Amino acid sequence: MDVVRAGRPGPRRVSAAAASTVSLSGVVMAQLAAGLLGVAVGVLVRATAGAIAIVTAATFLIPAFTPALPDSLARFVGTYWPSMAGRQLMLVHHDPNLPAPWAGFALLLLSVAVVLAAAFVVFSRRDA
């Protein structure tokens, strides 16, 4: 069974199996990165509710308010914010104005690694 993608750039027909496989593999990897980010933020703030609020704000609220930002900042946040760049890996049709799927996912992983490193340093100094 083919899924017709009218009005989108690129191939017009994508098999449903290929589309779901590509999309779901990106979802699994993004959820893993989000889970690691949540653990790192939880270690940093030492509060579950605070960690949930921070991770939710960082992944959903900041990109949602991007249109309200000045143009140069909105362009930067919309392109290079880790959750926005990592989202390319989950899409079947990619936006040519955003980083490539694996480059965006690498940016997401780099930001998670920085927060994890900070959490490791804080944990080793504060709780060891």
PDB file of N, CA and C in Angstrom:
ATOM      1  N   MET A   1       0.850  -1.183   0.000  1.00  0.00           N
ATOM      2  CA  MET A   1       0.000   0.000   0.000  1.00  0.00           C
ATOM      3  C   MET A   1       0.884   1.230   0.000  1.00  0.00           C
ATOM      4  N   ASP A   2       0.568   2.176  -0.870  1.00  0.00           N
ATOM      5  CA  ASP A   2       1.347   3.393  -0.979  1.00  0.00           C
ATOM      6  C   ASP A   2       0.604   4.555  -0.342  1.00  0.00           C
ATOM      7  N   VAL A   3       1.371   5.439   0.238  1.00  0.00           N
ATOM      8  CA  VAL A   3       0.822   6.656   0.820  1.00  0.00           C
ATOM      9  C   VAL A   3       1.173   7.791  -0.118  1.00  0.00           C
ATOM     10  N   VAL A   4       0.204   8.550  -0.553  1.00  0.00           N
ATOM     11  CA  VAL A   4       0.452   9.655  -1.472  1.00  0.00           C
ATOM     12  C   VAL A   4       0.693  10.908  -0.645  1.00  0.00           C
ATOM     13  N   ARG A   5       1.790  11.578  -0.906  1.00  0.00           N
ATOM     14  CA  ARG A   5       2.152  12.812  -0.206  1.00  0.00           C
ATOM     15  C   ARG A   5       2.037  13.966  -1.205  1.00  0.00           C
ATOM     16  N   ALA A   6       0.878  14.509  -1.358  1.00  0.00           N
ATOM     17  CA  ALA A   6       0.661  15.582  -2.323  1.00  0.00           C
ATOM     18  C   ALA A   6       1.182  16.904  -1.781  1.00  0.00           C
ATOM     19  N   GLY A   7       1.761  17.696  -2.660  1.00  0.00           N
ATOM     20  CA  GLY A   7       2.201  19.029  -2.293  1.00  0.00           C
ATOM     21  C   GLY A   7       3.499  19.083  -1.510  1.00  0.00           C
ATOM     22  N   ARG A   8       4.191  18.006  -1.383  1.00  0.00           N
ATOM     23  CA  ARG A   8       5.456  17.996  -0.638  1.00  0.00           C
ATOM     24  C   ARG A   8       6.610  17.839  -1.622  1.00  0.00           C
ATOM     25  N   PRO A   9       7.766  18.429  -1.318  1.00  0.00           N
ATOM     26  CA  PRO A   9       8.916  18.225  -2.198  1.00  0.00           C
ATOM     27  C   PRO A   9       9.434  16.794  -2.075  1.00  0.00           C
ATOM     28  N   GLY A  10      10.104  16.341  -3.108  1.00  0.00           N
ATOM     29  CA  GLY A  10      10.676  14.992  -3.070  1.00  0.00           C
ATOM     30  C   GLY A  10       9.749  13.992  -3.721  1.00  0.00           C
ATOM     31  N   PRO A  11       9.982  12.731  -3.462  1.00  0.00           N
ATOM     32  CA  PRO A  11       9.160  11.702  -4.097  1.00  0.00           C
ATOM     33  C   PRO A  11       7.697  11.815  -3.674  1.00  0.00           C
ATOM     34  N   ARG A  12       6.804  11.563  -4.617  1.00  0.00           N
ATOM     35  CA  ARG A  12       5.375  11.699  -4.323  1.00  0.00           C
ATOM     36  C   ARG A  12       4.805  10.447  -3.696  1.00  0.00           C
ATOM     37  N   ARG A  13       5.431   9.311  -3.886  1.00  0.00           N
ATOM     38  CA  ARG A  13       4.913   8.072  -3.318  1.00  0.00           C
ATOM     39  C   ARG A  13       5.966   7.473  -2.397  1.00  0.00           C
ATOM     40  N   VAL A  14       5.523   7.125  -1.211  1.00  0.00           N
ATOM     41  CA  VAL A  14       6.388   6.486  -0.221  1.00  0.00           C
ATOM     42  C   VAL A  14       5.625   5.287   0.301  1.00  0.00           C
ATOM     43  N   SER A  15       6.273   4.135   0.352  1.00  0.00           N
ATOM     44  CA  SER A  15       5.558   2.985   0.884  1.00  0.00           C
ATOM     45  C   SER A  15       5.286   3.212   2.363  1.00  0.00           C
ATOM     46  N   ALA A  16       4.157   2.740   2.810  1.00  0.00           N
ATOM     47  CA  ALA A  16       3.769   2.934   4.208  1.00  0.00           C
ATOM     48  C   ALA A  16       4.747   2.267   5.148  1.00  0.00           C
ATOM     49  N   ALA A  17       5.285   1.118   4.754  1.00  0.00           N
ATOM     50  CA  ALA A  17       6.249   0.415   5.606  1.00  0.00           C
ATOM     51  C   ALA A  17       7.539   1.215   5.749  1.00  0.00           C
ATOM     52  N   ALA A  18       8.009   1.793   4.651  1.00  0.00           N
ATOM     53  CA  ALA A  18       9.244   2.586   4.717  1.00  0.00           C
ATOM     54  C   ALA A  18       9.031   3.838   5.546  1.00  0.00           C
ATOM     55  N   ALA A  19       7.901   4.484   5.367  1.00  0.00           N
ATOM     56  CA  ALA A  19       7.623   5.708   6.116  1.00  0.00           C
ATOM     57  C   ALA A  19       7.539   5.429   7.611  1.00  0.00           C
ATOM     58  N   SER A  20       6.849   4.366   7.997  1.00  0.00           N
ATOM     59  CA  SER A  20       6.710   4.082   9.426  1.00  0.00           C
ATOM     60  C   SER A  20       8.018   3.614  10.029  1.00  0.00           C
ATOM     61  N   THR A  21       8.819   2.866   9.285  1.00  0.00           N
ATOM     62  CA  THR A  21      10.103   2.398   9.800  1.00  0.00           C
ATOM     63  C   THR A  21      11.055   3.556  10.046  1.00  0.00           C
ATOM     64  N   VAL A  22      11.152   4.446   9.083  1.00  0.00           N
ATOM     65  CA  VAL A  22      12.049   5.592   9.227  1.00  0.00           C
ATOM     66  C   VAL A  22      11.581   6.488  10.362  1.00  0.00           C
ATOM     67  N   SER A  23      10.297   6.785  10.404  1.00  0.00           N
ATOM     68  CA  SER A  23       9.777   7.671  11.434  1.00  0.00           C
ATOM     69  C   SER A  23       9.903   7.074  12.825  1.00  0.00           C
ATOM     70  N   LEU A  24       9.581   5.800  12.969  1.00  0.00           N
ATOM     71  CA  LEU A  24       9.612   5.196  14.298  1.00  0.00           C
ATOM     72  C   LEU A  24      11.021   4.996  14.820  1.00  0.00           C
ATOM     73  N   SER A  25      11.992   4.763  13.942  1.00  0.00           N
ATOM     74  CA  SER A  25      13.368   4.645  14.434  1.00  0.00           C
ATOM     75  C   SER A  25      13.853   5.983  14.976  1.00  0.00           C
ATOM     76  N   GLY A  26      13.471   7.067  14.332  1.00  0.00           N
ATOM     77  CA  GLY A  26      13.818   8.384  14.847  1.00  0.00           C
ATOM     78  C   GLY A  26      13.133   8.698  16.159  1.00  0.00           C
ATOM     79  N   VAL A  27      11.892   8.254  16.312  1.00  0.00           N
ATOM     80  CA  VAL A  27      11.149   8.479  17.555  1.00  0.00           C
ATOM     81  C   VAL A  27      11.821   7.765  18.716  1.00  0.00           C
ATOM     82  N   VAL A  28      12.246   6.531  18.487  1.00  0.00           N
ATOM     83  CA  VAL A  28      12.904   5.762  19.555  1.00  0.00           C
ATOM     84  C   VAL A  28      14.199   6.443  19.969  1.00  0.00           C
ATOM     85  N   MET A  29      15.000   6.871  19.011  1.00  0.00           N
ATOM     86  CA  MET A  29      16.263   7.530  19.358  1.00  0.00           C
ATOM     87  C   MET A  29      16.039   8.871  20.043  1.00  0.00           C
ATOM     88  N   ALA A  30      15.037   9.624  19.613  1.00  0.00           N
ATOM     89  CA  ALA A  30      14.745  10.905  20.255  1.00  0.00           C
ATOM     90  C   ALA A  30      14.215  10.702  21.667  1.00  0.00           C
ATOM     91  N   GLN A  31      13.426   9.657  21.882  1.00  0.00           N
ATOM     92  CA  GLN A  31      12.935   9.382  23.235  1.00  0.00           C
ATOM     93  C   GLN A  31      14.076   8.974  24.151  1.00  0.00           C
ATOM     94  N   LEU A  32      15.026   8.234  23.641  1.00  0.00           N
ATOM     95  CA  LEU A  32      16.199   7.870  24.436  1.00  0.00           C
ATOM     96  C   LEU A  32      16.981   9.119  24.833  1.00  0.00           C
ATOM     97  N   ALA A  33      17.175  10.025  23.889  1.00  0.00           N
ATOM     98  CA  ALA A  33      17.885  11.267  24.192  1.00  0.00           C
ATOM     99  C   ALA A  33      17.099  12.110  25.199  1.00  0.00           C
ATOM    100  N   ALA A  34      15.778  12.170  25.046  1.00  0.00           N
ATOM    101  CA  ALA A  34      14.958  12.939  25.987  1.00  0.00           C
ATOM    102  C   ALA A  34      14.992  12.319  27.375  1.00  0.00           C
ATOM    103  N   GLY A  35      15.026  11.005  27.456  1.00  0.00           N
ATOM    104  CA  GLY A  35      15.130  10.339  28.756  1.00  0.00           C
ATOM    105  C   GLY A  35      16.448  10.640  29.443  1.00  0.00           C
ATOM    106  N   LEU A  36      17.538  10.613  28.690  1.00  0.00           N
ATOM    107  CA  LEU A  36      18.843  10.953  29.265  1.00  0.00           C
ATOM    108  C   LEU A  36      18.883  12.413  29.696  1.00  0.00           C
ATOM    109  N   LEU A  37      18.265  13.278  28.909  1.00  0.00           N
ATOM    110  CA  LEU A  37      18.195  14.688  29.292  1.00  0.00           C
ATOM    111  C   LEU A  37      17.408  14.854  30.583  1.00  0.00           C
ATOM    112  N   GLY A  38      16.314  14.126  30.722  1.00  0.00           N
ATOM    113  CA  GLY A  38      15.514  14.192  31.941  1.00  0.00           C
ATOM    114  C   GLY A  38      16.267  13.714  33.161  1.00  0.00           C
ATOM    115  N   VAL A  39      17.034  12.643  33.004  1.00  0.00           N
ATOM    116  CA  VAL A  39      17.843  12.140  34.126  1.00  0.00           C
ATOM    117  C   VAL A  39      18.892  13.177  34.518  1.00  0.00           C
ATOM    118  N   ALA A  40      19.552  13.756  33.530  1.00  0.00           N
ATOM    119  CA  ALA A  40      20.596  14.744  33.817  1.00  0.00           C
ATOM    120  C   ALA A  40      20.020  15.981  34.504  1.00  0.00           C
ATOM    121  N   VAL A  41      18.896  16.468  34.028  1.00  0.00           N
ATOM    122  CA  VAL A  41      18.280  17.639  34.655  1.00  0.00           C
ATOM    123  C   VAL A  41      17.790  17.291  36.050  1.00  0.00           C
ATOM    124  N   GLY A  42      17.271  16.082  36.225  1.00  0.00           N
ATOM    125  CA  GLY A  42      16.846  15.641  37.556  1.00  0.00           C
ATOM    126  C   GLY A  42      17.986  15.603  38.545  1.00  0.00           C
ATOM    127  N   VAL A  43      19.161  15.162  38.098  1.00  0.00           N
ATOM    128  CA  VAL A  43      20.338  15.154  38.974  1.00  0.00           C
ATOM    129  C   VAL A  43      20.754  16.585  39.302  1.00  0.00           C
ATOM    130  N   LEU A  44      20.660  17.477  38.328  1.00  0.00           N
ATOM    131  CA  LEU A  44      21.073  18.863  38.559  1.00  0.00           C
ATOM    132  C   LEU A  44      20.157  19.595  39.533  1.00  0.00           C
ATOM    133  N   VAL A  45      18.856  19.425  39.416  1.00  0.00           N
ATOM    134  CA  VAL A  45      17.941  20.194  40.256  1.00  0.00           C
ATOM    135  C   VAL A  45      17.465  19.441  41.483  1.00  0.00           C
ATOM    136  N   ARG A  46      17.695  18.135  41.527  1.00  0.00           N
ATOM    137  CA  ARG A  46      17.316  17.293  42.667  1.00  0.00           C
ATOM    138  C   ARG A  46      15.830  17.321  42.977  1.00  0.00           C
ATOM    139  N   ALA A  47      15.009  17.520  41.987  1.00  0.00           N
ATOM    140  CA  ALA A  47      13.568  17.541  42.194  1.00  0.00           C
ATOM    141  C   ALA A  47      12.892  17.005  40.939  1.00  0.00           C
ATOM    142  N   THR A  48      12.044  16.014  41.117  1.00  0.00           N
ATOM    143  CA  THR A  48      11.379  15.405  39.970  1.00  0.00           C
ATOM    144  C   THR A  48      10.464  16.391  39.260  1.00  0.00           C
ATOM    145  N   ALA A  49       9.650  17.097  40.005  1.00  0.00           N
ATOM    146  CA  ALA A  49       8.720  18.051  39.389  1.00  0.00           C
ATOM    147  C   ALA A  49       9.477  19.178  38.680  1.00  0.00           C
ATOM    148  N   GLY A  50      10.543  19.640  39.291  1.00  0.00           N
ATOM    149  CA  GLY A  50      11.352  20.676  38.662  1.00  0.00           C
ATOM    150  C   GLY A  50      11.997  20.195  37.375  1.00  0.00           C
ATOM    151  N   ALA A  51      12.492  18.964  37.382  1.00  0.00           N
ATOM    152  CA  ALA A  51      13.104  18.406  36.180  1.00  0.00           C
ATOM    153  C   ALA A  51      12.087  18.254  35.064  1.00  0.00           C
ATOM    154  N   ILE A  52      10.877  17.795  35.414  1.00  0.00           N
ATOM    155  CA  ILE A  52       9.824  17.649  34.404  1.00  0.00           C
ATOM    156  C   ILE A  52       9.462  19.012  33.827  1.00  0.00           C
ATOM    157  N   ALA A  53       9.341  20.015  34.672  1.00  0.00           N
ATOM    158  CA  ALA A  53       9.001  21.358  34.203  1.00  0.00           C
ATOM    159  C   ALA A  53      10.088  21.929  33.300  1.00  0.00           C
ATOM    160  N   ILE A  54      11.344  21.750  33.669  1.00  0.00           N
ATOM    161  CA  ILE A  54      12.455  22.287  32.874  1.00  0.00           C
ATOM    162  C   ILE A  54      12.549  21.588  31.530  1.00  0.00           C
ATOM    163  N   VAL A  55      12.469  20.263  31.532  1.00  0.00           N
ATOM    164  CA  VAL A  55      12.583  19.520  30.269  1.00  0.00           C
ATOM    165  C   VAL A  55      11.394  19.820  29.362  1.00  0.00           C
ATOM    166  N   THR A  56      10.208  19.933  29.930  1.00  0.00           N
ATOM    167  CA  THR A  56       9.033  20.274  29.125  1.00  0.00           C
ATOM    168  C   THR A  56       9.168  21.663  28.525  1.00  0.00           C
ATOM    169  N   ALA A  57       9.616  22.609  29.322  1.00  0.00           N
ATOM    170  CA  ALA A  57       9.796  23.970  28.807  1.00  0.00           C
ATOM    171  C   ALA A  57      10.868  24.008  27.728  1.00  0.00           C
ATOM    172  N   ALA A  58      11.948  23.288  27.935  1.00  0.00           N
ATOM    173  CA  ALA A  58      13.048  23.323  26.979  1.00  0.00           C
ATOM    174  C   ALA A  58      12.699  22.630  25.669  1.00  0.00           C
ATOM    175  N   THR A  59      11.906  21.574  25.725  1.00  0.00           N
ATOM    176  CA  THR A  59      11.624  20.832  24.497  1.00  0.00           C
ATOM    177  C   THR A  59      10.346  21.271  23.784  1.00  0.00           C
ATOM    178  N   PHE A  60       9.358  21.771  24.517  1.00  0.00           N
ATOM    179  CA  PHE A  60       8.089  22.116  23.886  1.00  0.00           C
ATOM    180  C   PHE A  60       7.776  23.610  23.897  1.00  0.00           C
ATOM    181  N   LEU A  61       7.968  24.272  25.024  1.00  0.00           N
ATOM    182  CA  LEU A  61       7.523  25.658  25.135  1.00  0.00           C
ATOM    183  C   LEU A  61       8.422  26.640  24.398  1.00  0.00           C
ATOM    184  N   ILE A  62       9.722  26.475  24.508  1.00  0.00           N
ATOM    185  CA  ILE A  62      10.628  27.403  23.812  1.00  0.00           C
ATOM    186  C   ILE A  62      10.420  27.342  22.298  1.00  0.00           C
ATOM    187  N   PRO A  63      10.375  26.138  21.674  1.00  0.00           N
ATOM    188  CA  PRO A  63      10.078  26.117  20.231  1.00  0.00           C
ATOM    189  C   PRO A  63       8.686  26.643  19.884  1.00  0.00           C
ATOM    190  N   ALA A  64       7.714  26.487  20.770  1.00  0.00           N
ATOM    191  CA  ALA A  64       6.364  26.984  20.490  1.00  0.00           C
ATOM    192  C   ALA A  64       6.309  28.505  20.469  1.00  0.00           C
ATOM    193  N   PHE A  65       7.150  29.151  21.264  1.00  0.00           N
ATOM    194  CA  PHE A  65       7.165  30.608  21.307  1.00  0.00           C
ATOM    195  C   PHE A  65       8.196  31.215  20.361  1.00  0.00           C
ATOM    196  N   THR A  66       8.776  30.420  19.498  1.00  0.00           N
ATOM    197  CA  THR A  66       9.761  30.918  18.536  1.00  0.00           C
ATOM    198  C   THR A  66       9.212  32.034  17.655  1.00  0.00           C
ATOM    199  N   PRO A  67       7.977  31.950  17.152  1.00  0.00           N
ATOM    200  CA  PRO A  67       7.473  33.054  16.314  1.00  0.00           C
ATOM    201  C   PRO A  67       7.382  34.394  17.037  1.00  0.00           C
ATOM    202  N   ALA A  68       7.325  34.399  18.352  1.00  0.00           N
ATOM    203  CA  ALA A  68       7.231  35.652  19.094  1.00  0.00           C
ATOM    204  C   ALA A  68       8.598  36.308  19.297  1.00  0.00           C
ATOM    205  N   LEU A  69       9.663  35.607  18.974  1.00  0.00           N
ATOM    206  CA  LEU A  69      11.007  36.138  19.157  1.00  0.00           C
ATOM    207  C   LEU A  69      11.382  37.052  17.986  1.00  0.00           C
ATOM    208  N   PRO A  70      12.400  37.910  18.169  1.00  0.00           N
ATOM    209  CA  PRO A  70      12.895  38.701  17.038  1.00  0.00           C
ATOM    210  C   PRO A  70      13.379  37.771  15.915  1.00  0.00           C
ATOM    211  N   ASP A  71      13.365  38.262  14.687  1.00  0.00           N
ATOM    212  CA  ASP A  71      13.623  37.421  13.516  1.00  0.00           C
ATOM    213  C   ASP A  71      14.934  36.653  13.581  1.00  0.00           C
ATOM    214  N   SER A  72      16.026  37.312  13.923  1.00  0.00           N
ATOM    215  CA  SER A  72      17.317  36.620  13.930  1.00  0.00           C
ATOM    216  C   SER A  72      17.359  35.528  15.001  1.00  0.00           C
ATOM    217  N   LEU A  73      16.820  35.820  16.164  1.00  0.00           N
ATOM    218  CA  LEU A  73      16.785  34.825  17.234  1.00  0.00           C
ATOM    219  C   LEU A  73      15.802  33.707  16.909  1.00  0.00           C
ATOM    220  N   ALA A  74      14.668  34.047  16.302  1.00  0.00           N
ATOM    221  CA  ALA A  74      13.682  33.032  15.916  1.00  0.00           C
ATOM    222  C   ALA A  74      14.267  32.091  14.869  1.00  0.00           C
ATOM    223  N   ARG A  75      15.028  32.616  13.930  1.00  0.00           N
ATOM    224  CA  ARG A  75      15.656  31.781  12.911  1.00  0.00           C
ATOM    225  C   ARG A  75      16.675  30.838  13.542  1.00  0.00           C
ATOM    226  N   PHE A  76      17.459  31.348  14.489  1.00  0.00           N
ATOM    227  CA  PHE A  76      18.453  30.512  15.163  1.00  0.00           C
ATOM    228  C   PHE A  76      17.789  29.420  15.999  1.00  0.00           C
ATOM    229  N   VAL A  77      16.805  29.796  16.808  1.00  0.00           N
ATOM    230  CA  VAL A  77      16.121  28.816  17.665  1.00  0.00           C
ATOM    231  C   VAL A  77      15.378  27.796  16.817  1.00  0.00           C
ATOM    232  N   GLY A  78      14.710  28.242  15.770  1.00  0.00           N
ATOM    233  CA  GLY A  78      13.971  27.335  14.908  1.00  0.00           C
ATOM    234  C   GLY A  78      14.854  26.369  14.143  1.00  0.00           C
ATOM    235  N   THR A  79      16.099  26.744  13.932  1.00  0.00           N
ATOM    236  CA  THR A  79      17.012  25.884  13.177  1.00  0.00           C
ATOM    237  C   THR A  79      17.884  25.032  14.081  1.00  0.00           C
ATOM    238  N   TYR A  80      18.460  25.619  15.108  1.00  0.00           N
ATOM    239  CA  TYR A  80      19.482  24.926  15.885  1.00  0.00           C
ATOM    240  C   TYR A  80      19.080  24.554  17.311  1.00  0.00           C
ATOM    241  N   TRP A  81      17.869  24.838  17.741  1.00  0.00           N
ATOM    242  CA  TRP A  81      17.445  24.392  19.062  1.00  0.00           C
ATOM    243  C   TRP A  81      17.460  22.868  19.043  1.00  0.00           C
ATOM    244  N   PRO A  82      18.028  22.219  20.051  1.00  0.00           N
ATOM    245  CA  PRO A  82      18.226  20.763  19.978  1.00  0.00           C
ATOM    246  C   PRO A  82      16.973  19.956  19.654  1.00  0.00           C
ATOM    247  N   SER A  83      15.843  20.283  20.239  1.00  0.00           N
ATOM    248  CA  SER A  83      14.639  19.501  19.946  1.00  0.00           C
ATOM    249  C   SER A  83      14.135  19.758  18.531  1.00  0.00           C
ATOM    250  N   MET A  84      14.352  20.939  18.004  1.00  0.00           N
ATOM    251  CA  MET A  84      13.942  21.242  16.628  1.00  0.00           C
ATOM    252  C   MET A  84      14.878  20.580  15.621  1.00  0.00           C
ATOM    253  N   ALA A  85      16.172  20.595  15.899  1.00  0.00           N
ATOM    254  CA  ALA A  85      17.126  19.973  14.989  1.00  0.00           C
ATOM    255  C   ALA A  85      16.992  18.451  15.015  1.00  0.00           C
ATOM    256  N   GLY A  86      16.766  17.876  16.190  1.00  0.00           N
ATOM    257  CA  GLY A  86      16.619  16.430  16.300  1.00  0.00           C
ATOM    258  C   GLY A  86      15.332  15.906  15.706  1.00  0.00           C
ATOM    259  N   ARG A  87      14.354  16.764  15.544  1.00  0.00           N
ATOM    260  CA  ARG A  87      13.065  16.361  14.992  1.00  0.00           C
ATOM    261  C   ARG A  87      13.179  15.937  13.530  1.00  0.00           C
ATOM    262  N   GLN A  88      14.186  16.421  12.824  1.00  0.00           N
ATOM    263  CA  GLN A  88      14.377  16.064  11.421  1.00  0.00           C
ATOM    264  C   GLN A  88      14.536  14.561  11.228  1.00  0.00           C
ATOM    265  N   LEU A  89      15.087  13.880  12.233  1.00  0.00           N
ATOM    266  CA  LEU A  89      15.301  12.444  12.120  1.00  0.00           C
ATOM    267  C   LEU A  89      13.982  11.679  12.097  1.00  0.00           C
ATOM    268  N   MET A  90      12.933  12.257  12.635  1.00  0.00           N
ATOM    269  CA  MET A  90      11.642  11.578  12.714  1.00  0.00           C
ATOM    270  C   MET A  90      10.761  11.832  11.500  1.00  0.00           C
ATOM    271  N   LEU A  91      11.163  12.705  10.608  1.00  0.00           N
ATOM    272  CA  LEU A  91      10.331  13.060   9.461  1.00  0.00           C
ATOM    273  C   LEU A  91      10.710  12.248   8.235  1.00  0.00           C
ATOM    274  N   VAL A  92       9.737  11.961   7.409  1.00  0.00           N
ATOM    275  CA  VAL A  92      10.006  11.261   6.151  1.00  0.00           C
ATOM    276  C   VAL A  92      10.466  12.257   5.098  1.00  0.00           C
ATOM    277  N   HIS A  93       9.821  13.419   5.043  1.00  0.00           N
ATOM    278  CA  HIS A  93      10.210  14.485   4.116  1.00  0.00           C
ATOM    279  C   HIS A  93      10.895  15.572   4.926  1.00  0.00           C
ATOM    280  N   HIS A  94      12.123  15.888   4.566  1.00  0.00           N
ATOM    281  CA  HIS A  94      12.943  16.789   5.366  1.00  0.00           C
ATOM    282  C   HIS A  94      12.903  18.213   4.820  1.00  0.00           C
ATOM    283  N   ASP A  95      12.966  19.163   5.739  1.00  0.00           N
ATOM    284  CA  ASP A  95      12.994  20.577   5.384  1.00  0.00           C
ATOM    285  C   ASP A  95      14.414  20.929   4.951  1.00  0.00           C
ATOM    286  N   PRO A  96      14.603  21.446   3.743  1.00  0.00           N
ATOM    287  CA  PRO A  96      15.965  21.767   3.283  1.00  0.00           C
ATOM    288  C   PRO A  96      16.596  22.943   4.027  1.00  0.00           C
ATOM    289  N   ASN A  97      15.796  23.739   4.746  1.00  0.00           N
ATOM    290  CA  ASN A  97      16.331  24.882   5.487  1.00  0.00           C
ATOM    291  C   ASN A  97      16.876  24.491   6.852  1.00  0.00           C
ATOM    292  N   LEU A  98      16.625  23.274   7.289  1.00  0.00           N
ATOM    293  CA  LEU A  98      17.104  22.800   8.590  1.00  0.00           C
ATOM    294  C   LEU A  98      18.292  21.866   8.390  1.00  0.00           C
ATOM    295  N   PRO A  99      19.057  21.602   9.447  1.00  0.00           N
ATOM    296  CA  PRO A  99      20.184  20.677   9.303  1.00  0.00           C
ATOM    297  C   PRO A  99      19.713  19.299   8.836  1.00  0.00           C
ATOM    298  N   ALA A 100      20.617  18.566   8.219  1.00  0.00           N
ATOM    299  CA  ALA A 100      20.308  17.209   7.768  1.00  0.00           C
ATOM    300  C   ALA A 100      19.872  16.370   8.973  1.00  0.00           C
ATOM    301  N   PRO A 101      19.122  15.292   8.746  1.00  0.00           N
ATOM    302  CA  PRO A 101      18.600  14.511   9.870  1.00  0.00           C
ATOM    303  C   PRO A 101      19.669  14.043  10.853  1.00  0.00           C
ATOM    304  N   TRP A 102      20.746  13.482  10.369  1.00  0.00           N
ATOM    305  CA  TRP A 102      21.763  12.974  11.293  1.00  0.00           C
ATOM    306  C   TRP A 102      22.563  14.102  11.929  1.00  0.00           C
ATOM    307  N   ALA A 103      22.736  15.203  11.218  1.00  0.00           N
ATOM    308  CA  ALA A 103      23.418  16.361  11.816  1.00  0.00           C
ATOM    309  C   ALA A 103      22.562  16.969  12.922  1.00  0.00           C
ATOM    310  N   GLY A 104      21.265  17.053  12.686  1.00  0.00           N
ATOM    311  CA  GLY A 104      20.360  17.553  13.726  1.00  0.00           C
ATOM    312  C   GLY A 104      20.324  16.637  14.937  1.00  0.00           C
ATOM    313  N   PHE A 105      20.322  15.324  14.690  1.00  0.00           N
ATOM    314  CA  PHE A 105      20.332  14.380  15.801  1.00  0.00           C
ATOM    315  C   PHE A 105      21.661  14.460  16.549  1.00  0.00           C
ATOM    316  N   ALA A 106      22.752  14.675  15.829  1.00  0.00           N
ATOM    317  CA  ALA A 106      24.051  14.849  16.493  1.00  0.00           C
ATOM    318  C   ALA A 106      24.040  16.095  17.371  1.00  0.00           C
ATOM    319  N   LEU A 107      23.405  17.156  16.908  1.00  0.00           N
ATOM    320  CA  LEU A 107      23.272  18.370  17.726  1.00  0.00           C
ATOM    321  C   LEU A 107      22.460  18.083  18.984  1.00  0.00           C
ATOM    322  N   LEU A 108      21.385  17.315  18.849  1.00  0.00           N
ATOM    323  CA  LEU A 108      20.584  16.921  20.003  1.00  0.00           C
ATOM    324  C   LEU A 108      21.413  16.101  20.981  1.00  0.00           C
ATOM    325  N   LEU A 109      22.154  15.133  20.472  1.00  0.00           N
ATOM    326  CA  LEU A 109      22.993  14.309  21.346  1.00  0.00           C
ATOM    327  C   LEU A 109      24.110  15.107  21.991  1.00  0.00           C
ATOM    328  N   LEU A 110      24.668  16.067  21.273  1.00  0.00           N
ATOM    329  CA  LEU A 110      25.712  16.917  21.850  1.00  0.00           C
ATOM    330  C   LEU A 110      25.164  17.734  23.013  1.00  0.00           C
ATOM    331  N   SER A 111      23.973  18.284  22.850  1.00  0.00           N
ATOM    332  CA  SER A 111      23.392  19.062  23.946  1.00  0.00           C
ATOM    333  C   SER A 111      23.071  18.172  25.143  1.00  0.00           C
ATOM    334  N   VAL A 112      22.596  16.957  24.888  1.00  0.00           N
ATOM    335  CA  VAL A 112      22.330  16.017  25.980  1.00  0.00           C
ATOM    336  C   VAL A 112      23.637  15.635  26.664  1.00  0.00           C
ATOM    337  N   ALA A 113      24.707  15.436  25.884  1.00  0.00           N
ATOM    338  CA  ALA A 113      26.002  15.082  26.463  1.00  0.00           C
ATOM    339  C   ALA A 113      26.544  16.208  27.339  1.00  0.00           C
ATOM    340  N   VAL A 114      26.342  17.453  26.939  1.00  0.00           N
ATOM    341  CA  VAL A 114      26.812  18.588  27.749  1.00  0.00           C
ATOM    342  C   VAL A 114      26.063  18.628  29.077  1.00  0.00           C
ATOM    343  N   VAL A 115      24.745  18.438  29.032  1.00  0.00           N
ATOM    344  CA  VAL A 115      23.962  18.448  30.272  1.00  0.00           C
ATOM    345  C   VAL A 115      24.322  17.244  31.144  1.00  0.00           C
ATOM    346  N   LEU A 116      24.549  16.078  30.523  1.00  0.00           N
ATOM    347  CA  LEU A 116      24.965  14.898  31.291  1.00  0.00           C
ATOM    348  C   LEU A 116      26.335  15.107  31.950  1.00  0.00           C
ATOM    349  N   ALA A 117      27.253  15.742  31.234  1.00  0.00           N
ATOM    350  CA  ALA A 117      28.570  16.021  31.814  1.00  0.00           C
ATOM    351  C   ALA A 117      28.442  16.977  32.996  1.00  0.00           C
ATOM    352  N   ALA A 118      27.612  17.997  32.851  1.00  0.00           N
ATOM    353  CA  ALA A 118      27.398  18.923  33.966  1.00  0.00           C
ATOM    354  C   ALA A 118      26.762  18.203  35.151  1.00  0.00           C
ATOM    355  N   ALA A 119      25.823  17.315  34.880  1.00  0.00           N
ATOM    356  CA  ALA A 119      25.187  16.552  35.956  1.00  0.00           C
ATOM    357  C   ALA A 119      26.187  15.640  36.645  1.00  0.00           C
ATOM    358  N   PHE A 120      27.082  15.029  35.869  1.00  0.00           N
ATOM    359  CA  PHE A 120      28.097  14.157  36.458  1.00  0.00           C
ATOM    360  C   PHE A 120      29.024  14.948  37.372  1.00  0.00           C
ATOM    361  N   VAL A 121      29.456  16.131  36.922  1.00  0.00           N
ATOM    362  CA  VAL A 121      30.340  16.969  37.738  1.00  0.00           C
ATOM    363  C   VAL A 121      29.634  17.410  39.015  1.00  0.00           C
ATOM    364  N   VAL A 122      28.403  17.871  38.879  1.00  0.00           N
ATOM    365  CA  VAL A 122      27.652  18.322  40.059  1.00  0.00           C
ATOM    366  C   VAL A 122      27.411  17.168  41.016  1.00  0.00           C
ATOM    367  N   PHE A 123      27.043  16.016  40.490  1.00  0.00           N
ATOM    368  CA  PHE A 123      26.777  14.851  41.328  1.00  0.00           C
ATOM    369  C   PHE A 123      28.026  14.396  42.051  1.00  0.00           C
ATOM    370  N   SER A 124      29.170  14.377  41.363  1.00  0.00           N
ATOM    371  CA  SER A 124      30.404  13.911  42.007  1.00  0.00           C
ATOM    372  C   SER A 124      30.893  14.883  43.076  1.00  0.00           C
ATOM    373  N   ARG A 125      30.631  16.169  42.925  1.00  0.00           N
ATOM    374  CA  ARG A 125      31.066  17.145  43.923  1.00  0.00           C
ATOM    375  C   ARG A 125      30.072  17.282  45.074  1.00  0.00           C
ATOM    376  N   ARG A 126      28.819  17.228  44.779  1.00  0.00           N
ATOM    377  CA  ARG A 126      27.783  17.494  45.783  1.00  0.00           C
ATOM    378  C   ARG A 126      27.413  16.240  46.574  1.00  0.00           C
ATOM    379  N   ASP A 127      27.326  15.103  45.916  1.00  0.00           N
ATOM    380  CA  ASP A 127      26.782  13.924  46.565  1.00  0.00           C
ATOM    381  C   ASP A 127      27.793  12.829  46.830  1.00  0.00           C
ATOM    382  N   ALA A 128      29.019  13.011  46.467  1.00  0.00           N
ATOM    383  CA  ALA A 128      29.991  11.941  46.645  1.00  0.00           C
ATOM    384  C   ALA A 128      30.649  11.937  47.993  1.00  0.00           C
TER     385      ALA A 128
END
